[in-house]
Amino acid sequence: MNVALAQLTPTADPGRDCARVLETIGQHPEADLILFPELFIGGYPSGDPGPRSIAGDGPELVAIGEACRANGTAAVVGFTEAMPSGPCSNSAACFDTDGTVAGTYRKTHLFGPGEQAAFAPGGSMLAVRLDGLVVGPQICFDVEFPEPSRKLALAGAELLVTIAANMEPYAADHRLAARARALDNRLPHLYVNRTGSEAGFDFVGESCVIAPDGSVTAELGRDEGILEARIPVPAPHQDTQTGYLGQIRPELHVIVQDQTNGGER
């Protein structure tokens, strides 16, 4: 699979950001899958995200679907989703190569009081087929928890994808977490992060392609760029000794040995 990770800076104008998505897709017709960062359409809001929101079936996403169809490219694009009622969602639209929206993932783990006040958390993970491959998308803070990636892997995901708007001082957290999630589940992992400064945050880039053994096979620094790579999918056959999904024992429980309460409980 040929992939392209668009490490770019949004403008806070949904129309201009959408135009850049269309331009980038058109410039990479060889890509089977192209990824854009968290909240790329409209940028990372400070306060009410409503003015930057777009509908999940609005003209911006329709145009992106048409570009995907024209190029035969699947895409994952972060945006602020206007919901019919209630708060907006921090969402990732997943387009298949025929231009259809194969699914929309809504961020389940919101970071800090700012995001928690601005967005409604999603209620489920999503595994979606893109270019014939089962892809498990996540958004930024999601990747810092082992459990979401494990749920996606157990549900049949063949590729993990994380779109992010990660900022200082958390660059090291994501460098480690992104590699760990690949190794935990012995799956390739594509991680794309935005650049630039907005809402008082400095975003750090460092997008990368990670192999199932946790090694980084391609990466960018902190400037804008498009990371192009070819990844083997599905992942090569696992060594049975390190195929963790087949060896984990879900039936185990924890014994709390607490002497202050009289011992085992």
C-alpha atoms as a PDB file:
ATOM      1  CA  MET A   1       0.000   0.000   0.000  1.00  0.00           C
ATOM      2  CA  ASN A   2       1.317   3.451  -0.938  1.00  0.00           C
ATOM      3  CA  VAL A   3       0.567   5.963   1.824  1.00  0.00           C
ATOM      4  CA  ALA A   4       0.987   9.710   2.197  1.00  0.00           C
ATOM      5  CA  LEU A   5       0.963  11.497   5.561  1.00  0.00           C
ATOM      6  CA  ALA A   6       0.103  15.192   5.138  1.00  0.00           C
ATOM      7  CA  GLN A   7       1.922  16.977   7.969  1.00  0.00           C
ATOM      8  CA  LEU A   8       0.426  20.412   7.364  1.00  0.00           C
ATOM      9  CA  THR A   9      -0.775  23.514   9.216  1.00  0.00           C
ATOM     10  CA  PRO A  10      -4.498  24.380   9.044  1.00  0.00           C
ATOM     11  CA  THR A  11      -5.618  27.981   8.605  1.00  0.00           C
ATOM     12  CA  ALA A  12      -8.701  28.090  10.888  1.00  0.00           C
ATOM     13  CA  ASP A  13     -10.799  28.717   7.759  1.00  0.00           C
ATOM     14  CA  PRO A  14     -12.706  25.525   6.808  1.00  0.00           C
ATOM     15  CA  GLY A  15     -12.991  26.563   3.168  1.00  0.00           C
ATOM     16  CA  ARG A  16      -9.278  27.201   2.742  1.00  0.00           C
ATOM     17  CA  ASP A  17      -8.358  24.052   4.653  1.00  0.00           C
ATOM     18  CA  CYS A  18     -10.691  21.971   2.497  1.00  0.00           C
ATOM     19  CA  ALA A  19      -9.089  23.473  -0.612  1.00  0.00           C
ATOM     20  CA  ARG A  20      -5.693  22.370   0.641  1.00  0.00           C
ATOM     21  CA  VAL A  21      -6.978  18.849   1.219  1.00  0.00           C
ATOM     22  CA  LEU A  22      -8.228  18.758  -2.380  1.00  0.00           C
ATOM     23  CA  GLU A  23      -4.928  20.136  -3.669  1.00  0.00           C
ATOM     24  CA  THR A  24      -2.890  17.604  -1.695  1.00  0.00           C
ATOM     25  CA  ILE A  25      -4.985  14.647  -2.842  1.00  0.00           C
ATOM     26  CA  GLY A  26      -4.637  15.816  -6.445  1.00  0.00           C
ATOM     27  CA  GLN A  27      -0.860  16.064  -6.088  1.00  0.00           C
ATOM     28  CA  HIS A  28      -0.539  12.459  -4.875  1.00  0.00           C
ATOM     29  CA  PRO A  29      -2.508  10.268  -7.282  1.00  0.00           C
ATOM     30  CA  GLU A  30      -0.157   7.365  -6.529  1.00  0.00           C
ATOM     31  CA  ALA A  31      -1.298   7.226  -2.891  1.00  0.00           C
ATOM     32  CA  ASP A  32      -3.674   4.426  -1.957  1.00  0.00           C
ATOM     33  CA  LEU A  33      -4.306   6.125   1.399  1.00  0.00           C
ATOM     34  CA  ILE A  34      -3.645   9.718   2.452  1.00  0.00           C
ATOM     35  CA  LEU A  35      -3.980  11.053   6.001  1.00  0.00           C
ATOM     36  CA  PHE A  36      -4.600  14.563   7.336  1.00  0.00           C
ATOM     37  CA  PRO A  37      -4.187  15.635  10.984  1.00  0.00           C
ATOM     38  CA  GLU A  38      -6.750  16.011  13.739  1.00  0.00           C
ATOM     39  CA  LEU A  39      -9.136  18.955  13.211  1.00  0.00           C
ATOM     40  CA  PHE A  40      -7.312  19.855  10.002  1.00  0.00           C
ATOM     41  CA  ILE A  41     -10.417  21.389   8.463  1.00  0.00           C
ATOM     42  CA  GLY A  42     -10.968  24.456  10.629  1.00  0.00           C
ATOM     43  CA  GLY A  43      -8.001  24.078  12.955  1.00  0.00           C
ATOM     44  CA  TYR A  44      -7.725  23.618  16.711  1.00  0.00           C
ATOM     45  CA  PRO A  45     -10.263  25.903  18.410  1.00  0.00           C
ATOM     46  CA  SER A  46      -9.926  27.970  21.540  1.00  0.00           C
ATOM     47  CA  GLY A  47     -13.361  28.057  23.111  1.00  0.00           C
ATOM     48  CA  ASP A  48     -16.493  27.397  21.061  1.00  0.00           C
ATOM     49  CA  PRO A  49     -15.667  25.263  17.974  1.00  0.00           C
ATOM     50  CA  GLY A  50     -19.080  25.894  16.404  1.00  0.00           C
ATOM     51  CA  PRO A  51     -18.007  28.611  13.925  1.00  0.00           C
ATOM     52  CA  ARG A  52     -15.394  26.237  12.494  1.00  0.00           C
ATOM     53  CA  SER A  53     -17.675  23.210  12.288  1.00  0.00           C
ATOM     54  CA  ILE A  54     -18.985  21.590   9.130  1.00  0.00           C
ATOM     55  CA  ALA A  55     -21.703  19.012   8.580  1.00  0.00           C
ATOM     56  CA  GLY A  56     -20.767  15.402   8.041  1.00  0.00           C
ATOM     57  CA  ASP A  57     -22.626  15.505   4.729  1.00  0.00           C
ATOM     58  CA  GLY A  58     -21.745  19.095   3.883  1.00  0.00           C
ATOM     59  CA  PRO A  59     -20.232  20.401   0.625  1.00  0.00           C
ATOM     60  CA  GLU A  60     -16.672  20.345   1.975  1.00  0.00           C
ATOM     61  CA  LEU A  61     -16.698  16.607   2.609  1.00  0.00           C
ATOM     62  CA  VAL A  62     -18.631  15.952  -0.592  1.00  0.00           C
ATOM     63  CA  ALA A  63     -15.828  17.703  -2.511  1.00  0.00           C
ATOM     64  CA  ILE A  64     -13.192  15.606  -0.727  1.00  0.00           C
ATOM     65  CA  GLY A  65     -15.088  12.446  -1.605  1.00  0.00           C
ATOM     66  CA  GLU A  66     -15.154  13.482  -5.259  1.00  0.00           C
ATOM     67  CA  ALA A  67     -11.381  14.074  -5.176  1.00  0.00           C
ATOM     68  CA  CYS A  68     -10.829  10.635  -3.647  1.00  0.00           C
ATOM     69  CA  ARG A  69     -12.968   9.020  -6.326  1.00  0.00           C
ATOM     70  CA  ALA A  70     -11.190  10.892  -9.117  1.00  0.00           C
ATOM     71  CA  ASN A  71      -7.772   9.787  -7.846  1.00  0.00           C
ATOM     72  CA  GLY A  72      -8.717   6.330  -6.575  1.00  0.00           C
ATOM     73  CA  THR A  73      -7.349   7.336  -3.174  1.00  0.00           C
ATOM     74  CA  ALA A  74      -8.716   6.604   0.293  1.00  0.00           C
ATOM     75  CA  ALA A  75      -8.352   9.344   2.916  1.00  0.00           C
ATOM     76  CA  VAL A  76      -8.771  10.067   6.604  1.00  0.00           C
ATOM     77  CA  VAL A  77      -9.448  13.741   7.355  1.00  0.00           C
ATOM     78  CA  GLY A  78      -9.861  15.415  10.741  1.00  0.00           C
ATOM     79  CA  PHE A  79     -12.581  18.052  11.170  1.00  0.00           C
ATOM     80  CA  THR A  80     -14.972  19.632  13.657  1.00  0.00           C
ATOM     81  CA  GLU A  81     -18.310  17.961  13.003  1.00  0.00           C
ATOM     82  CA  ALA A  82     -21.522  19.925  13.508  1.00  0.00           C
ATOM     83  CA  MET A  83     -24.007  17.590  15.145  1.00  0.00           C
ATOM     84  CA  PRO A  84     -27.794  17.782  14.661  1.00  0.00           C
ATOM     85  CA  SER A  85     -28.190  18.484  18.364  1.00  0.00           C
ATOM     86  CA  GLY A  86     -25.750  19.020  21.192  1.00  0.00           C
ATOM     87  CA  PRO A  87     -22.028  19.823  21.132  1.00  0.00           C
ATOM     88  CA  CYS A  88     -19.741  19.343  18.140  1.00  0.00           C
ATOM     89  CA  SER A  89     -17.601  16.238  17.710  1.00  0.00           C
ATOM     90  CA  ASN A  90     -13.875  15.991  17.070  1.00  0.00           C
ATOM     91  CA  SER A  91     -14.166  13.695  14.076  1.00  0.00           C
ATOM     92  CA  ALA A  92     -12.269  11.805  11.391  1.00  0.00           C
ATOM     93  CA  ALA A  93     -14.016  11.250   8.078  1.00  0.00           C
ATOM     94  CA  CYS A  94     -12.832   8.033   6.418  1.00  0.00           C
ATOM     95  CA  PHE A  95     -13.227   8.051   2.628  1.00  0.00           C
ATOM     96  CA  ASP A  96     -12.835   4.944   0.513  1.00  0.00           C
ATOM     97  CA  THR A  97     -11.287   4.976  -2.942  1.00  0.00           C
ATOM     98  CA  ASP A  98     -14.713   5.307  -4.594  1.00  0.00           C
ATOM     99  CA  GLY A  99     -15.329   8.572  -2.732  1.00  0.00           C
ATOM    100  CA  THR A 100     -17.902   7.270  -0.286  1.00  0.00           C
ATOM    101  CA  VAL A 101     -17.610   8.039   3.418  1.00  0.00           C
ATOM    102  CA  ALA A 102     -16.974   4.532   4.702  1.00  0.00           C
ATOM    103  CA  GLY A 103     -17.324   5.744   8.285  1.00  0.00           C
ATOM    104  CA  THR A 104     -16.821   8.678  10.638  1.00  0.00           C
ATOM    105  CA  TYR A 105     -14.890   8.148  13.845  1.00  0.00           C
ATOM    106  CA  ARG A 106     -15.573  10.555  16.722  1.00  0.00           C
ATOM    107  CA  LYS A 107     -12.785  10.986  19.263  1.00  0.00           C
ATOM    108  CA  THR A 108     -13.542   8.968  22.377  1.00  0.00           C
ATOM    109  CA  HIS A 109     -10.805  10.262  24.707  1.00  0.00           C
ATOM    110  CA  LEU A 110     -10.890  14.052  24.884  1.00  0.00           C
ATOM    111  CA  PHE A 111      -7.753  15.785  26.130  1.00  0.00           C
ATOM    112  CA  GLY A 112      -8.006  18.178  29.061  1.00  0.00           C
ATOM    113  CA  PRO A 113     -10.739  20.564  30.155  1.00  0.00           C
ATOM    114  CA  GLY A 114     -10.594  22.590  26.929  1.00  0.00           C
ATOM    115  CA  GLU A 115     -11.498  19.681  24.655  1.00  0.00           C
ATOM    116  CA  GLN A 116     -13.887  18.214  27.195  1.00  0.00           C
ATOM    117  CA  ALA A 117     -15.821  21.503  27.294  1.00  0.00           C
ATOM    118  CA  ALA A 118     -15.798  21.970  23.526  1.00  0.00           C
ATOM    119  CA  PHE A 119     -16.668  18.515  22.200  1.00  0.00           C
ATOM    120  CA  ALA A 120     -18.925  15.579  22.930  1.00  0.00           C
ATOM    121  CA  PRO A 121     -16.942  12.333  23.246  1.00  0.00           C
ATOM    122  CA  GLY A 122     -17.625   9.553  20.788  1.00  0.00           C
ATOM    123  CA  GLY A 123     -19.296   6.456  22.171  1.00  0.00           C
ATOM    124  CA  SER A 124     -17.489   3.719  20.220  1.00  0.00           C
ATOM    125  CA  MET A 125     -14.372   2.793  18.304  1.00  0.00           C
ATOM    126  CA  LEU A 126     -14.562   2.205  14.550  1.00  0.00           C
ATOM    127  CA  ALA A 127     -12.973  -0.334  12.227  1.00  0.00           C
ATOM    128  CA  VAL A 128     -13.533   0.594   8.604  1.00  0.00           C
ATOM    129  CA  ARG A 129     -12.470  -0.909   5.280  1.00  0.00           C
ATOM    130  CA  LEU A 130     -10.386   1.437   3.134  1.00  0.00           C
ATOM    131  CA  ASP A 131      -8.828   0.319  -0.145  1.00  0.00           C
ATOM    132  CA  GLY A 132      -9.750  -3.237   0.820  1.00  0.00           C
ATOM    133  CA  LEU A 133      -7.948  -3.101   4.183  1.00  0.00           C
ATOM    134  CA  VAL A 134      -9.536  -3.004   7.651  1.00  0.00           C
ATOM    135  CA  VAL A 135      -8.279   0.229   9.218  1.00  0.00           C
ATOM    136  CA  GLY A 136      -8.605   1.288  12.860  1.00  0.00           C
ATOM    137  CA  PRO A 137      -8.589   5.106  13.136  1.00  0.00           C
ATOM    138  CA  GLN A 138      -7.831   6.976  16.351  1.00  0.00           C
ATOM    139  CA  ILE A 139      -7.445  10.647  17.210  1.00  0.00           C
ATOM    140  CA  CYS A 140      -4.510  12.043  19.212  1.00  0.00           C
ATOM    141  CA  PHE A 141      -5.070  11.382  22.960  1.00  0.00           C
ATOM    142  CA  ASP A 142      -6.703   8.034  22.100  1.00  0.00           C
ATOM    143  CA  VAL A 143      -3.262   6.645  21.250  1.00  0.00           C
ATOM    144  CA  GLU A 144      -1.966   7.186  24.776  1.00  0.00           C
ATOM    145  CA  PHE A 145      -4.196   4.379  26.057  1.00  0.00           C
ATOM    146  CA  PRO A 146      -3.363   0.761  25.134  1.00  0.00           C
ATOM    147  CA  GLU A 147      -6.980  -0.394  25.249  1.00  0.00           C
ATOM    148  CA  PRO A 148      -8.471   1.371  22.171  1.00  0.00           C
ATOM    149  CA  SER A 149      -5.796  -0.016  19.858  1.00  0.00           C
ATOM    150  CA  ARG A 150      -6.194  -3.466  21.388  1.00  0.00           C
ATOM    151  CA  LYS A 151      -9.971  -3.337  20.853  1.00  0.00           C
ATOM    152  CA  LEU A 152      -9.418  -2.407  17.218  1.00  0.00           C
ATOM    153  CA  ALA A 153      -6.892  -5.199  16.738  1.00  0.00           C
ATOM    154  CA  LEU A 154      -9.212  -7.765  18.303  1.00  0.00           C
ATOM    155  CA  ALA A 155     -12.008  -6.516  16.031  1.00  0.00           C
ATOM    156  CA  GLY A 156      -9.888  -7.354  12.992  1.00  0.00           C
ATOM    157  CA  ALA A 157      -7.998  -4.140  12.182  1.00  0.00           C
ATOM    158  CA  GLU A 158      -5.054  -4.762   9.846  1.00  0.00           C
ATOM    159  CA  LEU A 159      -3.671  -1.225  10.063  1.00  0.00           C
ATOM    160  CA  LEU A 160      -3.730   1.320  12.890  1.00  0.00           C
ATOM    161  CA  VAL A 161      -4.025   5.003  11.965  1.00  0.00           C
ATOM    162  CA  THR A 162      -3.706   7.964  14.322  1.00  0.00           C
ATOM    163  CA  ILE A 163      -4.365  11.562  13.290  1.00  0.00           C
ATOM    164  CA  ALA A 164      -3.169  14.094  15.846  1.00  0.00           C
ATOM    165  CA  ALA A 165      -2.824  17.696  16.929  1.00  0.00           C
ATOM    166  CA  ASN A 166      -0.128  16.984  19.492  1.00  0.00           C
ATOM    167  CA  MET A 167       1.716  19.887  21.050  1.00  0.00           C
ATOM    168  CA  GLU A 168       4.527  20.685  23.429  1.00  0.00           C
ATOM    169  CA  PRO A 169       5.322  19.418  26.027  1.00  0.00           C
ATOM    170  CA  TYR A 170       3.885  16.068  24.882  1.00  0.00           C
ATOM    171  CA  ALA A 171       6.068  15.233  21.871  1.00  0.00           C
ATOM    172  CA  ALA A 172       7.931  12.476  23.714  1.00  0.00           C
ATOM    173  CA  ASP A 173       4.651  10.948  24.937  1.00  0.00           C
ATOM    174  CA  HIS A 174       3.456  10.391  21.389  1.00  0.00           C
ATOM    175  CA  ARG A 175       6.806   9.190  20.078  1.00  0.00           C
ATOM    176  CA  LEU A 176       6.649   6.393  22.635  1.00  0.00           C
ATOM    177  CA  ALA A 177       2.896   5.705  22.535  1.00  0.00           C
ATOM    178  CA  ALA A 178       2.716   5.483  18.742  1.00  0.00           C
ATOM    179  CA  ARG A 179       5.486   2.870  18.651  1.00  0.00           C
ATOM    180  CA  ALA A 180       4.051   0.982  21.616  1.00  0.00           C
ATOM    181  CA  ARG A 181       0.611   0.612  20.042  1.00  0.00           C
ATOM    182  CA  ALA A 182       2.184  -0.970  16.958  1.00  0.00           C
ATOM    183  CA  LEU A 183       4.251  -3.366  19.070  1.00  0.00           C
ATOM    184  CA  ASP A 184       1.373  -4.153  21.464  1.00  0.00           C
ATOM    185  CA  ASN A 185      -0.716  -5.476  18.608  1.00  0.00           C
ATOM    186  CA  ARG A 186       1.927  -6.409  16.022  1.00  0.00           C
ATOM    187  CA  LEU A 187       0.268  -4.120  13.469  1.00  0.00           C
ATOM    188  CA  PRO A 188       1.641  -1.354  11.241  1.00  0.00           C
ATOM    189  CA  HIS A 189       0.768   2.101  12.532  1.00  0.00           C
ATOM    190  CA  LEU A 190       0.556   5.374  10.619  1.00  0.00           C
ATOM    191  CA  TYR A 191       0.809   8.509  12.764  1.00  0.00           C
ATOM    192  CA  VAL A 192       0.245  11.993  11.308  1.00  0.00           C
ATOM    193  CA  ASN A 193       0.484  15.195  13.359  1.00  0.00           C
ATOM    194  CA  ARG A 194      -0.030  18.836  12.446  1.00  0.00           C
ATOM    195  CA  THR A 195       2.451  21.707  12.564  1.00  0.00           C
ATOM    196  CA  GLY A 196       2.254  25.411  13.426  1.00  0.00           C
ATOM    197  CA  SER A 197       0.973  27.382  16.416  1.00  0.00           C
ATOM    198  CA  GLU A 198      -2.648  28.024  17.354  1.00  0.00           C
ATOM    199  CA  ALA A 199      -4.776  28.661  20.451  1.00  0.00           C
ATOM    200  CA  GLY A 200      -1.616  29.127  22.520  1.00  0.00           C
ATOM    201  CA  PHE A 201      -0.165  25.739  21.533  1.00  0.00           C
ATOM    202  CA  ASP A 202       2.942  24.824  19.541  1.00  0.00           C
ATOM    203  CA  PHE A 203       2.256  21.680  17.502  1.00  0.00           C
ATOM    204  CA  VAL A 204       5.210  19.396  16.955  1.00  0.00           C
ATOM    205  CA  GLY A 205       4.737  17.372  13.749  1.00  0.00           C
ATOM    206  CA  GLU A 206       6.991  14.280  13.854  1.00  0.00           C
ATOM    207  CA  SER A 207       4.647  12.189  11.716  1.00  0.00           C
ATOM    208  CA  CYS A 208       5.912   8.655  11.164  1.00  0.00           C
ATOM    209  CA  VAL A 209       5.374   5.191   9.744  1.00  0.00           C
ATOM    210  CA  ILE A 210       5.815   2.392  12.283  1.00  0.00           C
ATOM    211  CA  ALA A 211       6.321  -1.290  11.539  1.00  0.00           C
ATOM    212  CA  PRO A 212       4.608  -4.079  13.537  1.00  0.00           C
ATOM    213  CA  ASP A 213       7.782  -4.564  15.590  1.00  0.00           C
ATOM    214  CA  GLY A 214       7.590  -0.947  16.793  1.00  0.00           C
ATOM    215  CA  SER A 215      10.439   0.334  14.635  1.00  0.00           C
ATOM    216  CA  VAL A 216      10.068   3.661  12.834  1.00  0.00           C
ATOM    217  CA  THR A 217      10.618   3.131   9.114  1.00  0.00           C
ATOM    218  CA  ALA A 218       9.997   6.697   7.897  1.00  0.00           C
ATOM    219  CA  GLU A 219       9.494  10.010   9.674  1.00  0.00           C
ATOM    220  CA  LEU A 220       9.340  13.783   9.371  1.00  0.00           C
ATOM    221  CA  GLY A 221      10.693  16.525  11.604  1.00  0.00           C
ATOM    222  CA  ARG A 222       8.720  19.521  12.830  1.00  0.00           C
ATOM    223  CA  ASP A 223       8.221  21.407   9.561  1.00  0.00           C
ATOM    224  CA  GLU A 224       5.440  20.992   7.034  1.00  0.00           C
ATOM    225  CA  GLY A 225       5.856  18.120   4.622  1.00  0.00           C
ATOM    226  CA  ILE A 226       4.276  15.096   2.986  1.00  0.00           C
ATOM    227  CA  LEU A 227       5.677  11.771   4.117  1.00  0.00           C
ATOM    228  CA  GLU A 228       5.352   9.156   1.374  1.00  0.00           C
ATOM    229  CA  ALA A 229       5.975   5.486   2.068  1.00  0.00           C
ATOM    230  CA  ARG A 230       5.101   1.999   0.947  1.00  0.00           C
ATOM    231  CA  ILE A 231       3.971  -0.394   3.642  1.00  0.00           C
ATOM    232  CA  PRO A 232       3.395  -4.155   3.415  1.00  0.00           C
ATOM    233  CA  VAL A 233      -0.241  -4.949   4.189  1.00  0.00           C
ATOM    234  CA  PRO A 234      -1.537  -7.114   5.594  1.00  0.00           C
ATOM    235  CA  ALA A 235       1.460  -7.289   7.918  1.00  0.00           C
ATOM    236  CA  PRO A 236       3.798 -10.248   7.347  1.00  0.00           C
ATOM    237  CA  HIS A 237       3.100 -13.436   9.299  1.00  0.00           C
ATOM    238  CA  GLN A 238       3.904 -12.955  12.974  1.00  0.00           C
ATOM    239  CA  ASP A 239       6.406 -14.939  14.966  1.00  0.00           C
ATOM    240  CA  THR A 240       4.136 -17.144  17.077  1.00  0.00           C
ATOM    241  CA  GLN A 241       6.248 -16.405  20.133  1.00  0.00           C
ATOM    242  CA  THR A 242       5.452 -12.670  19.956  1.00  0.00           C
ATOM    243  CA  GLY A 243       1.937 -12.777  18.505  1.00  0.00           C
ATOM    244  CA  TYR A 244       0.457 -11.130  21.571  1.00  0.00           C
ATOM    245  CA  LEU A 245      -3.167 -11.163  20.427  1.00  0.00           C
ATOM    246  CA  GLY A 246      -3.137 -14.928  20.315  1.00  0.00           C
ATOM    247  CA  GLN A 247      -1.512 -15.325  23.733  1.00  0.00           C
ATOM    248  CA  ILE A 248      -3.175 -12.770  25.996  1.00  0.00           C
ATOM    249  CA  ARG A 249      -5.238 -14.382  28.782  1.00  0.00           C
ATOM    250  CA  PRO A 250      -8.403 -12.312  29.315  1.00  0.00           C
ATOM    251  CA  GLU A 251      -9.671 -14.574  32.084  1.00  0.00           C
ATOM    252  CA  LEU A 252      -6.995 -13.478  34.571  1.00  0.00           C
ATOM    253  CA  HIS A 253      -8.091 -11.344  37.501  1.00  0.00           C
ATOM    254  CA  VAL A 254      -6.135  -9.278  40.011  1.00  0.00           C
ATOM    255  CA  ILE A 255      -5.607 -10.403  43.592  1.00  0.00           C
ATOM    256  CA  VAL A 256      -5.102  -7.402  45.849  1.00  0.00           C
ATOM    257  CA  GLN A 257      -2.751  -8.369  48.660  1.00  0.00           C
ATOM    258  CA  ASP A 258      -3.488  -5.670  51.214  1.00  0.00           C
ATOM    259  CA  GLN A 259      -2.213  -6.414  54.704  1.00  0.00           C
ATOM    260  CA  THR A 260      -3.885  -3.355  56.200  1.00  0.00           C
ATOM    261  CA  ASN A 261      -7.264  -4.925  55.429  1.00  0.00           C
ATOM    262  CA  GLY A 262      -6.408  -8.373  56.717  1.00  0.00           C
ATOM    263  CA  GLY A 263      -4.700  -9.776  53.652  1.00  0.00           C
ATOM    264  CA  GLU A 264      -5.999 -11.028  50.347  1.00  0.00           C
ATOM    265  CA  ARG A 265      -9.281  -9.732  48.940  1.00  0.00           C
END
